[in-house]
Amino acid sequence: MIVSKISAETGDGKLILLYMEGEPYFFTFGKSEVPKSLEMGIGMMARGEKAVVYVTSQYLTQSPLIPVIEGLEEVHLEMQLFHFIQGNRLFKEGKFELAKAKYEKNLLHLDVAACQLKLGECRNSIDTCNKMQTLHM
C-alpha cells in the first residue's frame, strides 16, 4: 500500500503524527508496519479516496508509524490512499480476510466465496455462490 497523506491525533485533538508532504508512505499489509486498525481501514478504501478512521485503544496496536500507544484512549487517523495492491495478490499471499474485504467492496462474489472457503466459512461460501447465481439468472 502507498498512502500519500496520513495524520493522527488523539481524541482531544493533540497531533501525534503528521506525514503529509514529500514521498508517499509505503507499507505492506500483515507486517505490523502500521497499526492494525489503520491497515483494516485502508483495506476498504479505493485509490484516491480520503478517510478518517476513529480508533479506540482496544484496536490501536503499536507499530513503527505510531510507536507509543500507552495512555491513548482514542486516535483519529486521517489518510488518503495513493496506490494499492490488488485483492488477487493478497489472496495468493494467504491474507484471506483482507482479500475478502477487497472483493466485497468490488462485488466480486466468486472471489469472496473463495476467501470464505479458505477461511473455513463453508456455509457462507455456499450462500455467496447462490447469491451470485441468483443475480446472474
N, C-alpha and C. Protein backbone atom coordinates (compact mmCIF):
# COMPACT_ATOMS: atom_id res chain seq x y z
N MET A 1 0.83 -1.17 0.00
CA MET A 1 0.00 0.00 0.00
C MET A 1 0.88 1.24 0.00
N ILE A 2 0.38 2.25 -0.64
CA ILE A 2 1.08 3.53 -0.64
C ILE A 2 0.07 4.59 -0.23
N VAL A 3 0.35 5.24 0.88
CA VAL A 3 -0.52 6.29 1.38
C VAL A 3 0.20 7.61 1.15
N SER A 4 -0.46 8.55 0.48
CA SER A 4 0.20 9.82 0.20
C SER A 4 0.11 10.78 1.36
N LYS A 5 -0.95 10.67 2.16
CA LYS A 5 -1.11 11.56 3.30
C LYS A 5 -1.64 10.76 4.48
N ILE A 6 -1.08 11.03 5.65
CA ILE A 6 -1.58 10.38 6.85
C ILE A 6 -1.29 11.26 8.05
N SER A 7 -2.27 11.39 8.92
CA SER A 7 -2.06 12.12 10.17
C SER A 7 -2.85 11.40 11.26
N ALA A 8 -2.43 11.62 12.49
CA ALA A 8 -3.12 11.02 13.63
C ALA A 8 -3.16 12.03 14.76
N GLU A 9 -4.29 12.08 15.41
CA GLU A 9 -4.41 12.94 16.58
C GLU A 9 -5.20 12.21 17.64
N THR A 10 -4.98 12.60 18.88
CA THR A 10 -5.70 11.99 19.99
C THR A 10 -7.15 12.45 19.96
N GLY A 11 -7.98 11.80 20.74
CA GLY A 11 -9.38 12.16 20.81
C GLY A 11 -9.62 13.60 21.22
N ASP A 12 -8.67 14.18 21.98
CA ASP A 12 -8.82 15.58 22.41
C ASP A 12 -8.11 16.56 21.47
N GLY A 13 -7.65 16.08 20.29
CA GLY A 13 -7.12 16.97 19.27
C GLY A 13 -5.61 17.17 19.24
N LYS A 14 -4.86 16.47 20.07
CA LYS A 14 -3.40 16.61 20.08
C LYS A 14 -2.79 15.82 18.90
N LEU A 15 -2.04 16.50 18.04
CA LEU A 15 -1.42 15.87 16.87
C LEU A 15 -0.28 14.96 17.33
N ILE A 16 -0.31 13.68 16.92
CA ILE A 16 0.75 12.74 17.29
C ILE A 16 1.50 12.21 16.07
N LEU A 17 1.00 12.48 14.88
CA LEU A 17 1.66 12.04 13.65
C LEU A 17 1.21 12.93 12.51
N LEU A 18 2.18 13.38 11.71
CA LEU A 18 1.85 14.15 10.52
C LEU A 18 2.80 13.71 9.42
N TYR A 19 2.25 13.05 8.42
CA TYR A 19 3.03 12.60 7.26
C TYR A 19 2.26 13.07 6.04
N MET A 20 2.47 14.34 5.66
CA MET A 20 1.65 14.94 4.62
C MET A 20 2.44 15.40 3.40
N GLU A 21 3.74 15.53 3.52
CA GLU A 21 4.49 16.08 2.40
C GLU A 21 5.65 15.16 2.03
N GLY A 22 6.22 15.39 0.87
CA GLY A 22 7.36 14.59 0.43
C GLY A 22 6.92 13.28 -0.18
N GLU A 23 7.74 12.26 -0.03
CA GLU A 23 7.47 10.95 -0.61
C GLU A 23 6.30 10.27 0.09
N PRO A 24 5.49 9.52 -0.65
CA PRO A 24 4.40 8.77 -0.02
C PRO A 24 4.94 7.76 0.98
N TYR A 25 4.10 7.37 1.92
CA TYR A 25 4.45 6.38 2.93
C TYR A 25 4.11 4.99 2.38
N PHE A 26 5.09 4.12 2.31
CA PHE A 26 4.91 2.76 1.79
C PHE A 26 4.82 1.79 2.97
N PHE A 27 3.91 0.81 2.87
CA PHE A 27 3.87 -0.26 3.86
C PHE A 27 3.25 -1.50 3.24
N THR A 28 3.47 -2.64 3.88
CA THR A 28 2.96 -3.91 3.42
C THR A 28 1.95 -4.45 4.43
N PHE A 29 0.82 -4.91 3.95
CA PHE A 29 -0.18 -5.49 4.84
C PHE A 29 0.37 -6.68 5.59
N GLY A 30 -0.04 -6.82 6.85
CA GLY A 30 0.31 -8.00 7.63
C GLY A 30 1.69 -8.00 8.23
N LYS A 31 2.43 -6.92 8.12
CA LYS A 31 3.80 -6.89 8.64
C LYS A 31 3.96 -5.95 9.83
N SER A 32 2.84 -5.50 10.40
CA SER A 32 2.83 -4.63 11.59
C SER A 32 3.59 -3.33 11.38
N GLU A 33 3.62 -2.83 10.15
CA GLU A 33 4.30 -1.57 9.86
C GLU A 33 3.43 -0.37 10.21
N VAL A 34 2.13 -0.57 10.29
CA VAL A 34 1.16 0.46 10.70
C VAL A 34 0.21 -0.20 11.69
N PRO A 35 -0.50 0.59 12.50
CA PRO A 35 -1.48 -0.02 13.41
C PRO A 35 -2.48 -0.88 12.64
N LYS A 36 -2.88 -1.99 13.23
CA LYS A 36 -3.81 -2.92 12.58
C LYS A 36 -5.10 -2.22 12.17
N SER A 37 -5.58 -1.30 13.00
CA SER A 37 -6.82 -0.59 12.68
C SER A 37 -6.66 0.26 11.42
N LEU A 38 -5.51 0.86 11.24
CA LEU A 38 -5.23 1.64 10.03
C LEU A 38 -5.18 0.72 8.81
N GLU A 39 -4.55 -0.41 8.98
CA GLU A 39 -4.45 -1.40 7.90
C GLU A 39 -5.84 -1.85 7.45
N MET A 40 -6.71 -2.13 8.40
CA MET A 40 -8.06 -2.59 8.04
C MET A 40 -8.87 -1.46 7.40
N GLY A 41 -8.71 -0.24 7.88
CA GLY A 41 -9.41 0.89 7.29
C GLY A 41 -8.99 1.12 5.85
N ILE A 42 -7.70 1.10 5.61
CA ILE A 42 -7.18 1.31 4.27
C ILE A 42 -7.57 0.17 3.35
N GLY A 43 -7.69 -1.03 3.92
CA GLY A 43 -8.09 -2.19 3.12
C GLY A 43 -9.46 -2.05 2.49
N MET A 44 -10.28 -1.14 3.01
CA MET A 44 -11.62 -0.93 2.48
C MET A 44 -11.70 0.28 1.55
N MET A 45 -10.59 0.98 1.35
CA MET A 45 -10.60 2.21 0.55
C MET A 45 -10.31 1.96 -0.92
N ALA A 46 -10.74 2.89 -1.74
CA ALA A 46 -10.44 2.88 -3.17
C ALA A 46 -9.29 3.85 -3.43
N ARG A 47 -8.58 3.65 -4.51
CA ARG A 47 -7.47 4.52 -4.89
C ARG A 47 -7.95 5.98 -4.95
N GLY A 48 -7.19 6.88 -4.31
CA GLY A 48 -7.51 8.29 -4.31
C GLY A 48 -8.49 8.71 -3.22
N GLU A 49 -9.10 7.75 -2.55
CA GLU A 49 -10.10 8.05 -1.53
C GLU A 49 -9.45 8.60 -0.26
N LYS A 50 -10.15 9.51 0.40
CA LYS A 50 -9.72 10.06 1.69
C LYS A 50 -10.65 9.53 2.75
N ALA A 51 -10.11 9.30 3.96
CA ALA A 51 -10.94 8.78 5.04
C ALA A 51 -10.38 9.20 6.39
N VAL A 52 -11.26 9.21 7.38
CA VAL A 52 -10.87 9.38 8.77
C VAL A 52 -11.36 8.15 9.51
N VAL A 53 -10.45 7.49 10.23
CA VAL A 53 -10.79 6.29 10.98
C VAL A 53 -10.64 6.62 12.46
N TYR A 54 -11.71 6.40 13.23
CA TYR A 54 -11.70 6.63 14.67
C TYR A 54 -11.39 5.31 15.35
N VAL A 55 -10.31 5.28 16.14
CA VAL A 55 -9.83 4.04 16.73
C VAL A 55 -9.77 4.18 18.25
N THR A 56 -10.40 3.25 18.96
CA THR A 56 -10.28 3.24 20.41
C THR A 56 -9.04 2.45 20.80
N SER A 57 -8.61 2.59 22.03
CA SER A 57 -7.38 1.94 22.49
C SER A 57 -7.44 0.43 22.30
N GLN A 58 -8.62 -0.15 22.35
CA GLN A 58 -8.79 -1.59 22.18
C GLN A 58 -8.24 -2.06 20.82
N TYR A 59 -8.32 -1.21 19.79
CA TYR A 59 -7.91 -1.60 18.44
C TYR A 59 -6.64 -0.91 17.96
N LEU A 60 -5.99 -0.18 18.85
CA LEU A 60 -4.77 0.52 18.48
C LEU A 60 -3.58 -0.35 18.81
N THR A 61 -2.82 -0.72 17.80
CA THR A 61 -1.64 -1.56 18.01
C THR A 61 -0.38 -0.76 17.74
N GLN A 62 0.67 -1.11 18.47
CA GLN A 62 1.96 -0.43 18.32
C GLN A 62 2.58 -0.79 16.98
N SER A 63 3.25 0.20 16.36
CA SER A 63 3.90 -0.01 15.07
C SER A 63 5.00 1.03 14.90
N PRO A 64 5.85 0.86 13.87
CA PRO A 64 6.85 1.90 13.61
C PRO A 64 6.22 3.26 13.32
N LEU A 65 5.02 3.27 12.75
CA LEU A 65 4.36 4.52 12.43
C LEU A 65 3.89 5.25 13.69
N ILE A 66 3.33 4.53 14.64
CA ILE A 66 2.92 5.08 15.94
C ILE A 66 3.51 4.18 17.02
N PRO A 67 4.77 4.46 17.42
CA PRO A 67 5.48 3.56 18.33
C PRO A 67 4.99 3.60 19.78
N VAL A 68 4.39 4.70 20.22
CA VAL A 68 3.94 4.80 21.61
C VAL A 68 2.41 4.90 21.62
N ILE A 69 1.77 3.90 22.24
CA ILE A 69 0.31 3.91 22.30
C ILE A 69 -0.21 3.94 23.74
N GLU A 70 0.68 3.80 24.72
CA GLU A 70 0.26 3.80 26.11
C GLU A 70 -0.42 5.13 26.44
N GLY A 71 -1.54 5.05 27.12
CA GLY A 71 -2.26 6.24 27.54
C GLY A 71 -3.19 6.84 26.50
N LEU A 72 -3.18 6.31 25.31
CA LEU A 72 -4.07 6.82 24.26
C LEU A 72 -5.42 6.10 24.35
N GLU A 73 -6.48 6.85 24.57
CA GLU A 73 -7.82 6.27 24.66
C GLU A 73 -8.48 6.18 23.29
N GLU A 74 -8.24 7.20 22.45
CA GLU A 74 -8.83 7.25 21.12
C GLU A 74 -7.89 8.01 20.20
N VAL A 75 -7.77 7.52 18.97
CA VAL A 75 -6.94 8.17 17.96
C VAL A 75 -7.77 8.32 16.69
N HIS A 76 -7.64 9.49 16.06
CA HIS A 76 -8.30 9.75 14.78
C HIS A 76 -7.22 9.70 13.71
N LEU A 77 -7.32 8.77 12.80
CA LEU A 77 -6.35 8.61 11.72
C LEU A 77 -6.97 9.15 10.43
N GLU A 78 -6.34 10.14 9.85
CA GLU A 78 -6.82 10.70 8.59
C GLU A 78 -5.82 10.30 7.50
N MET A 79 -6.33 9.79 6.39
CA MET A 79 -5.43 9.29 5.35
C MET A 79 -6.01 9.47 3.96
N GLN A 80 -5.12 9.40 2.98
CA GLN A 80 -5.52 9.37 1.58
C GLN A 80 -4.74 8.24 0.93
N LEU A 81 -5.45 7.34 0.28
CA LEU A 81 -4.82 6.19 -0.38
C LEU A 81 -4.34 6.60 -1.76
N PHE A 82 -3.08 6.35 -2.03
CA PHE A 82 -2.48 6.72 -3.31
C PHE A 82 -2.49 5.54 -4.27
N HIS A 83 -2.10 4.37 -3.79
CA HIS A 83 -2.00 3.19 -4.65
C HIS A 83 -2.14 1.96 -3.76
N PHE A 84 -2.56 0.85 -4.33
CA PHE A 84 -2.73 -0.36 -3.55
C PHE A 84 -2.44 -1.58 -4.41
N ILE A 85 -2.25 -2.69 -3.72
CA ILE A 85 -2.05 -3.98 -4.38
C ILE A 85 -3.43 -4.63 -4.52
N GLN A 86 -3.69 -5.24 -5.63
CA GLN A 86 -4.99 -5.85 -5.91
C GLN A 86 -5.28 -7.02 -4.96
N GLY A 87 -6.56 -7.33 -4.80
CA GLY A 87 -7.00 -8.42 -3.94
C GLY A 87 -6.43 -9.77 -4.31
N ASN A 88 -6.19 -10.01 -5.61
CA ASN A 88 -5.64 -11.30 -6.02
C ASN A 88 -4.27 -11.55 -5.39
N ARG A 89 -3.48 -10.52 -5.27
CA ARG A 89 -2.16 -10.68 -4.66
C ARG A 89 -2.31 -10.99 -3.17
N LEU A 90 -3.24 -10.33 -2.51
CA LEU A 90 -3.49 -10.61 -1.10
C LEU A 90 -3.92 -12.07 -0.93
N PHE A 91 -4.78 -12.54 -1.83
CA PHE A 91 -5.24 -13.93 -1.77
C PHE A 91 -4.07 -14.89 -1.92
N LYS A 92 -3.21 -14.63 -2.90
CA LYS A 92 -2.05 -15.50 -3.14
C LYS A 92 -1.10 -15.53 -1.95
N GLU A 93 -1.05 -14.41 -1.20
CA GLU A 93 -0.18 -14.33 -0.02
C GLU A 93 -0.84 -14.93 1.22
N GLY A 94 -2.07 -15.47 1.05
CA GLY A 94 -2.76 -16.10 2.16
C GLY A 94 -3.45 -15.13 3.10
N LYS A 95 -3.61 -13.89 2.69
CA LYS A 95 -4.26 -12.86 3.51
C LYS A 95 -5.74 -12.80 3.12
N PHE A 96 -6.45 -13.86 3.48
CA PHE A 96 -7.81 -14.06 3.00
C PHE A 96 -8.80 -13.03 3.52
N GLU A 97 -8.68 -12.60 4.79
CA GLU A 97 -9.59 -11.59 5.33
C GLU A 97 -9.46 -10.28 4.55
N LEU A 98 -8.23 -9.86 4.28
CA LEU A 98 -8.02 -8.61 3.54
C LEU A 98 -8.49 -8.75 2.09
N ALA A 99 -8.19 -9.89 1.47
CA ALA A 99 -8.64 -10.12 0.09
C ALA A 99 -10.16 -10.13 0.03
N LYS A 100 -10.79 -10.77 1.01
CA LYS A 100 -12.26 -10.83 1.04
C LYS A 100 -12.85 -9.43 1.13
N ALA A 101 -12.25 -8.58 1.96
CA ALA A 101 -12.74 -7.20 2.09
C ALA A 101 -12.64 -6.46 0.76
N LYS A 102 -11.54 -6.65 0.05
CA LYS A 102 -11.37 -6.01 -1.26
C LYS A 102 -12.43 -6.51 -2.24
N TYR A 103 -12.62 -7.82 -2.28
CA TYR A 103 -13.58 -8.40 -3.21
C TYR A 103 -15.01 -7.96 -2.88
N GLU A 104 -15.35 -7.91 -1.59
CA GLU A 104 -16.70 -7.49 -1.20
C GLU A 104 -16.97 -6.06 -1.65
N LYS A 105 -15.97 -5.20 -1.49
CA LYS A 105 -16.15 -3.80 -1.88
C LYS A 105 -16.42 -3.69 -3.38
N ASN A 106 -15.79 -4.57 -4.17
CA ASN A 106 -15.93 -4.52 -5.62
C ASN A 106 -16.97 -5.50 -6.16
N LEU A 107 -17.75 -6.10 -5.25
CA LEU A 107 -18.82 -7.04 -5.61
C LEU A 107 -18.33 -8.20 -6.48
N LEU A 108 -17.18 -8.75 -6.15
CA LEU A 108 -16.64 -9.91 -6.86
C LEU A 108 -17.02 -11.16 -6.08
N HIS A 109 -18.25 -11.61 -6.26
CA HIS A 109 -18.86 -12.63 -5.43
C HIS A 109 -18.10 -13.96 -5.44
N LEU A 110 -17.65 -14.42 -6.59
CA LEU A 110 -16.93 -15.70 -6.62
C LEU A 110 -15.61 -15.61 -5.87
N ASP A 111 -14.95 -14.47 -5.94
CA ASP A 111 -13.71 -14.30 -5.20
C ASP A 111 -13.98 -14.23 -3.70
N VAL A 112 -15.09 -13.59 -3.32
CA VAL A 112 -15.49 -13.56 -1.90
C VAL A 112 -15.73 -14.99 -1.44
N ALA A 113 -16.45 -15.77 -2.24
CA ALA A 113 -16.74 -17.16 -1.89
C ALA A 113 -15.46 -17.97 -1.72
N ALA A 114 -14.47 -17.75 -2.57
CA ALA A 114 -13.19 -18.45 -2.45
C ALA A 114 -12.50 -18.11 -1.14
N CYS A 115 -12.52 -16.84 -0.76
CA CYS A 115 -11.92 -16.42 0.52
C CYS A 115 -12.67 -17.05 1.69
N GLN A 116 -13.99 -17.04 1.62
CA GLN A 116 -14.77 -17.65 2.69
C GLN A 116 -14.45 -19.13 2.84
N LEU A 117 -14.28 -19.81 1.72
CA LEU A 117 -13.93 -21.22 1.76
C LEU A 117 -12.57 -21.42 2.43
N LYS A 118 -11.58 -20.61 2.07
CA LYS A 118 -10.24 -20.71 2.67
C LYS A 118 -10.26 -20.38 4.16
N LEU A 119 -11.20 -19.52 4.58
CA LEU A 119 -11.32 -19.15 5.99
C LEU A 119 -12.17 -20.15 6.78
N GLY A 120 -12.63 -21.20 6.12
CA GLY A 120 -13.45 -22.21 6.78
C GLY A 120 -14.90 -21.81 6.94
N GLU A 121 -15.31 -20.78 6.23
CA GLU A 121 -16.70 -20.30 6.29
C GLU A 121 -17.49 -20.96 5.16
N CYS A 122 -17.61 -22.28 5.22
CA CYS A 122 -18.19 -23.06 4.12
C CYS A 122 -19.64 -22.67 3.84
N ARG A 123 -20.46 -22.55 4.87
CA ARG A 123 -21.88 -22.20 4.66
C ARG A 123 -21.99 -20.82 4.01
N ASN A 124 -21.18 -19.85 4.47
CA ASN A 124 -21.19 -18.52 3.87
C ASN A 124 -20.75 -18.56 2.42
N SER A 125 -19.77 -19.43 2.12
CA SER A 125 -19.29 -19.57 0.75
C SER A 125 -20.40 -20.08 -0.17
N ILE A 126 -21.15 -21.06 0.30
CA ILE A 126 -22.26 -21.59 -0.49
C ILE A 126 -23.32 -20.52 -0.69
N ASP A 127 -23.64 -19.78 0.38
CA ASP A 127 -24.64 -18.71 0.28
C ASP A 127 -24.21 -17.64 -0.72
N THR A 128 -22.92 -17.29 -0.71
CA THR A 128 -22.41 -16.28 -1.64
C THR A 128 -22.53 -16.77 -3.08
N CYS A 129 -22.20 -18.04 -3.31
CA CYS A 129 -22.33 -18.61 -4.66
C CYS A 129 -23.79 -18.62 -5.11
N ASN A 130 -24.68 -18.99 -4.21
CA ASN A 130 -26.11 -18.99 -4.54
C ASN A 130 -26.60 -17.58 -4.85
N LYS A 131 -26.13 -16.61 -4.09
CA LYS A 131 -26.50 -15.22 -4.33
C LYS A 131 -26.02 -14.79 -5.72
N MET A 132 -24.79 -15.13 -6.06
CA MET A 132 -24.23 -14.78 -7.37
C MET A 132 -25.04 -15.44 -8.49
N GLN A 133 -25.42 -16.68 -8.28
CA GLN A 133 -26.21 -17.39 -9.30
C GLN A 133 -27.56 -16.72 -9.49
N THR A 134 -28.20 -16.31 -8.40
CA THR A 134 -29.50 -15.62 -8.48
C THR A 134 -29.36 -14.28 -9.21
N LEU A 135 -28.27 -13.55 -8.94
CA LEU A 135 -28.07 -12.25 -9.58
C LEU A 135 -27.87 -12.36 -11.09
N HIS A 136 -27.32 -13.50 -11.55
CA HIS A 136 -26.98 -13.64 -12.96
C HIS A 136 -27.94 -14.54 -13.73
N MET A 137 -29.13 -14.78 -13.18
CA MET A 137 -30.11 -15.62 -13.89
C MET A 137 -31.07 -14.77 -14.65
